[in-house]
Amino acid sequence: MIKKIAQLICLIAIFAVEAQTFDSFEGDRSAYEGGPVQFYKDLNAILMGNHFERCGNDTAEKFLAYIEIKKGRGTILNKTLPDNCAAPLFIKAFDEINKLKKWKKVSGIQANTSIVFYPNDYFENFKENYTTERDSEFPGGMSGLKNQLTSILKKQNFKNTNEIKAILSFKISEKGVLNSLTIEPDNLYEEVKNKLIKSVEQLDKSWLPRLHRGVPIESSYRVPITL
């Protein structure tokens, strides 16, 4: 059983890595001092403070900037730029961001990344704690989810499962509530399925919801396990 729980931990870890972007890295893992929230806050302060000319009200207009962080400086790597207002506006503001000297010089910390800039989200539209995309988060992060689920599964006392594989699928609402739990495959023993449901129901309920451009939205999780 302990070996199988270890497999569960590995699978959850792989699941978490797939979703990582610039906005996913916080604190010490971020290439920017204060993390992505501070980056966007600084970016808006620069846009406002320098009285840069605003773009229109097109909520879909954006610029995807490919960034390299090297020796404490960020460099935009895009070889071609879209013919819109967002690109030159971001480039001007990004030059000012570099002057703040908040990029970290530590090697190996997200040296290459991409940042999505939606000009309509800034100036008077800017929201506190804004990020372009933040995934839903379990209290204590993915390590907290792994540790708590592992502990709960051990107490369920599964017997004679014969390496049963299952997938736990559920959603996290815009209010951070876990719901819509389903378990695959459908032909699992009823006792096993009930114990898995009971395990998920015992997880901490206070998730942080996924944010898209500062607005809470519903998100989905799929966690494969082997018993």
Protein backbone atom coordinates (compact mmCIF):
# COMPACT_ATOMS: atom_id res chain seq x y z
CA MET A 1 0.00 0.00 0.00
CA ILE A 2 2.85 2.42 0.86
CA LYS A 3 4.39 1.83 -2.57
CA LYS A 4 1.11 2.64 -4.28
CA ILE A 5 0.71 5.81 -2.25
CA ALA A 6 4.15 6.84 -3.52
CA GLN A 7 2.88 6.33 -7.07
CA LEU A 8 -0.03 8.61 -6.26
CA ILE A 9 2.39 11.32 -5.13
CA CYS A 10 4.36 11.13 -8.38
CA LEU A 11 1.24 11.32 -10.50
CA ILE A 12 -0.06 14.40 -8.69
CA ALA A 13 3.33 16.06 -9.06
CA ILE A 14 3.30 15.50 -12.83
CA PHE A 15 -0.22 16.88 -13.01
CA ALA A 16 0.87 20.08 -11.27
CA VAL A 17 3.89 20.80 -13.48
CA GLU A 18 1.88 20.82 -16.70
CA ALA A 19 0.02 24.01 -15.73
CA GLN A 20 3.03 26.16 -14.74
CA THR A 21 3.40 29.56 -16.40
CA PHE A 22 4.85 32.95 -15.39
CA ASP A 23 1.76 33.52 -13.24
CA SER A 24 2.16 30.12 -11.55
CA PHE A 25 5.48 30.93 -9.91
CA GLU A 26 5.20 32.76 -6.61
CA GLY A 27 7.64 33.90 -3.95
CA ASP A 28 11.13 32.39 -4.15
CA ARG A 29 10.24 30.47 -7.32
CA SER A 30 9.47 33.62 -9.29
CA ALA A 31 12.05 35.38 -11.43
CA TYR A 32 10.58 38.71 -10.30
CA GLU A 33 10.87 40.08 -6.77
CA GLY A 34 7.42 39.84 -5.19
CA GLY A 35 6.15 37.42 -7.81
CA PRO A 36 3.72 37.98 -10.69
CA VAL A 37 1.22 39.98 -8.60
CA GLN A 38 3.93 42.55 -7.83
CA PHE A 39 5.07 42.55 -11.46
CA TYR A 40 1.62 43.47 -12.78
CA LYS A 41 1.18 46.02 -10.01
CA ASP A 42 4.50 47.65 -10.95
CA LEU A 43 3.56 47.50 -14.62
CA ASN A 44 0.33 49.37 -13.99
CA ALA A 45 2.08 51.95 -11.82
CA ILE A 46 4.50 52.60 -14.69
CA LEU A 47 1.68 52.92 -17.23
CA MET A 48 -0.14 55.38 -14.99
CA GLY A 49 2.89 57.27 -13.74
CA ASN A 50 4.38 57.84 -17.17
CA HIS A 51 1.03 58.83 -18.68
CA PHE A 52 1.50 56.39 -21.53
CA GLU A 53 -1.15 56.62 -24.23
CA ARG A 54 -3.86 54.06 -23.66
CA CYS A 55 -5.15 51.55 -26.14
CA GLY A 56 -8.84 51.23 -26.96
CA ASN A 57 -11.45 49.23 -25.10
CA ASP A 58 -10.97 45.95 -26.95
CA THR A 59 -10.89 43.36 -24.16
CA ALA A 60 -9.44 40.74 -26.52
CA GLU A 61 -6.43 42.78 -27.66
CA LYS A 62 -3.20 41.37 -26.28
CA PHE A 63 0.52 40.95 -26.76
CA LEU A 64 2.27 37.67 -25.91
CA ALA A 65 5.83 38.60 -24.97
CA TYR A 66 8.55 35.94 -24.86
CA ILE A 67 10.99 36.89 -22.12
CA GLU A 68 14.50 35.85 -21.15
CA ILE A 69 15.76 36.71 -17.67
CA LYS A 70 19.54 36.96 -17.57
CA LYS A 71 21.83 38.65 -15.06
CA GLY A 72 18.98 40.52 -13.45
CA ARG A 73 17.51 41.93 -16.64
CA GLY A 74 14.54 40.94 -18.76
CA THR A 75 14.80 40.85 -22.54
CA ILE A 76 11.90 40.57 -24.99
CA LEU A 77 12.77 37.87 -27.54
CA ASN A 78 9.91 38.32 -30.04
CA LYS A 79 11.30 38.54 -33.59
CA THR A 80 8.02 39.79 -35.02
CA LEU A 81 5.42 42.03 -33.39
CA PRO A 82 1.66 42.14 -33.96
CA ASP A 83 0.26 45.23 -35.63
CA ASN A 84 -1.68 46.48 -32.63
CA CYS A 85 -1.45 48.94 -29.75
CA ALA A 86 -0.60 46.35 -27.10
CA ALA A 87 2.91 45.46 -28.32
CA PRO A 88 4.55 48.93 -28.35
CA LEU A 89 2.79 49.88 -25.10
CA PHE A 90 4.11 46.80 -23.31
CA ILE A 91 7.62 47.26 -24.71
CA LYS A 92 7.82 50.83 -23.42
CA ALA A 93 6.54 49.81 -19.98
CA PHE A 94 8.85 46.78 -19.89
CA ASP A 95 11.88 49.03 -20.40
CA GLU A 96 10.82 50.88 -17.27
CA ILE A 97 10.28 47.60 -15.40
CA ASN A 98 13.95 46.76 -16.00
CA LYS A 99 14.97 50.03 -14.35
CA LEU A 100 13.36 48.83 -11.11
CA LYS A 101 16.02 46.08 -10.96
CA LYS A 102 13.63 43.50 -9.51
CA TRP A 103 14.55 40.60 -11.79
CA LYS A 104 16.46 37.95 -9.85
CA LYS A 105 20.01 37.04 -10.82
CA VAL A 106 19.80 33.49 -9.46
CA SER A 107 20.42 31.01 -12.26
CA GLY A 108 17.82 28.37 -13.02
CA ILE A 109 14.76 30.34 -11.83
CA GLN A 110 12.37 30.49 -14.76
CA ALA A 111 15.00 32.03 -17.07
CA ASN A 112 12.69 31.84 -20.09
CA THR A 113 8.98 32.52 -19.87
CA SER A 114 6.11 34.30 -21.57
CA ILE A 115 3.90 37.12 -20.33
CA VAL A 116 0.47 37.96 -21.74
CA PHE A 117 -0.34 41.66 -21.73
CA TYR A 118 -3.98 42.77 -22.01
CA PRO A 119 -3.90 46.59 -22.17
CA ASN A 120 -7.61 46.82 -21.32
CA ASP A 121 -6.90 45.36 -17.87
CA TYR A 122 -4.77 48.33 -16.80
CA PHE A 123 -5.15 52.01 -15.86
CA GLU A 124 -8.56 52.52 -14.21
CA ASN A 125 -9.52 48.87 -14.89
CA PHE A 126 -6.65 47.42 -12.87
CA LYS A 127 -7.66 45.14 -9.97
CA GLU A 128 -5.77 44.45 -6.76
CA ASN A 129 -3.87 41.12 -6.79
CA TYR A 130 -4.31 40.92 -10.57
CA THR A 131 -2.67 38.17 -12.60
CA THR A 132 -3.50 37.07 -16.13
CA GLU A 133 -3.95 33.47 -15.01
CA ARG A 134 -3.69 31.84 -11.60
CA ASP A 135 -4.74 28.24 -11.23
CA SER A 136 -6.92 27.11 -8.38
CA GLU A 137 -4.83 26.24 -5.36
CA PHE A 138 -5.23 23.82 -2.48
CA PRO A 139 -4.23 25.15 0.98
CA GLY A 140 -0.51 24.51 1.20
CA GLY A 141 -0.18 24.10 -2.57
CA MET A 142 0.30 20.81 -4.41
CA SER A 143 2.48 19.41 -1.62
CA GLY A 144 -0.37 20.08 0.80
CA LEU A 145 -2.81 18.26 -1.48
CA LYS A 146 -0.46 15.29 -1.86
CA ASN A 147 0.20 15.00 1.87
CA GLN A 148 -3.43 15.33 2.93
CA LEU A 149 -4.83 12.96 0.31
CA THR A 150 -2.10 10.40 1.02
CA SER A 151 -2.85 10.51 4.74
CA ILE A 152 -6.59 10.12 4.18
CA LEU A 153 -6.18 7.21 1.74
CA LYS A 154 -3.97 5.31 4.19
CA LYS A 155 -6.74 5.44 6.78
CA GLN A 156 -9.30 3.95 4.37
CA ASN A 157 -7.66 0.51 4.72
CA PHE A 158 -8.05 -0.66 1.13
CA LYS A 159 -7.73 -4.44 0.89
CA ASN A 160 -7.13 -6.78 -2.05
CA THR A 161 -7.36 -3.96 -4.56
CA ASN A 162 -4.94 -5.75 -6.93
CA GLU A 163 -3.42 -2.55 -8.38
CA ILE A 164 -6.68 -0.88 -9.26
CA LYS A 165 -6.21 2.32 -11.24
CA ALA A 166 -8.68 5.16 -10.97
CA ILE A 167 -9.05 8.79 -11.96
CA LEU A 168 -10.59 11.31 -9.60
CA SER A 169 -12.22 14.17 -11.52
CA PHE A 170 -13.70 17.20 -9.80
CA LYS A 171 -14.23 20.91 -10.17
CA ILE A 172 -13.33 23.91 -8.05
CA SER A 173 -16.00 26.58 -8.26
CA GLU A 174 -15.39 30.32 -8.57
CA LYS A 175 -15.93 30.43 -4.79
CA GLY A 176 -13.24 27.81 -4.13
CA VAL A 177 -15.63 24.92 -3.40
CA LEU A 178 -14.83 21.37 -4.53
CA ASN A 179 -17.77 19.77 -6.34
CA SER A 180 -18.90 17.53 -9.24
CA LEU A 181 -16.72 14.60 -8.17
CA THR A 182 -16.65 11.63 -10.56
CA ILE A 183 -14.54 8.48 -10.47
CA GLU A 184 -13.36 6.47 -13.45
CA PRO A 185 -13.69 3.75 -14.55
CA ASP A 186 -17.37 3.10 -13.91
CA ASN A 187 -16.83 -0.59 -13.19
CA LEU A 188 -14.85 -0.06 -9.96
CA TYR A 189 -15.95 -2.09 -6.96
CA GLU A 190 -18.61 -0.14 -5.14
CA GLU A 191 -16.68 -0.37 -1.86
CA VAL A 192 -13.56 1.09 -3.48
CA LYS A 193 -15.51 3.87 -5.15
CA ASN A 194 -17.25 4.78 -1.88
CA LYS A 195 -13.92 4.96 -0.03
CA LEU A 196 -12.44 7.19 -2.72
CA ILE A 197 -15.46 9.49 -2.54
CA LYS A 198 -15.16 9.58 1.24
CA SER A 199 -11.45 10.43 0.94
CA VAL A 200 -12.02 13.40 -1.38
CA GLU A 201 -14.87 14.66 0.79
CA GLN A 202 -12.45 14.86 3.73
CA LEU A 203 -10.08 17.19 1.89
CA ASP A 204 -9.82 20.78 3.08
CA LYS A 205 -12.64 22.78 1.49
CA SER A 206 -10.96 26.20 1.43
CA TRP A 207 -9.42 26.20 -2.05
CA LEU A 208 -8.37 29.42 -3.78
CA PRO A 209 -10.35 29.61 -7.04
CA ARG A 210 -8.75 29.95 -10.44
CA LEU A 211 -8.38 33.54 -11.63
CA HIS A 212 -8.53 34.69 -15.23
CA ARG A 213 -7.56 38.33 -15.65
CA GLY A 214 -8.44 38.97 -12.02
CA VAL A 215 -11.87 37.29 -12.16
CA PRO A 216 -12.59 34.01 -10.27
CA ILE A 217 -13.69 31.20 -12.60
CA GLU A 218 -14.43 27.48 -12.37
CA SER A 219 -11.59 25.01 -12.96
CA SER A 220 -11.24 21.25 -13.33
CA TYR A 221 -8.86 18.69 -11.81
CA ARG A 222 -8.03 15.12 -12.84
CA VAL A 223 -5.95 13.09 -10.39
CA PRO A 224 -4.89 9.55 -11.40
CA ILE A 225 -4.17 7.10 -8.58
CA THR A 226 -3.17 3.45 -8.22
CA LEU A 227 -4.35 1.39 -5.26
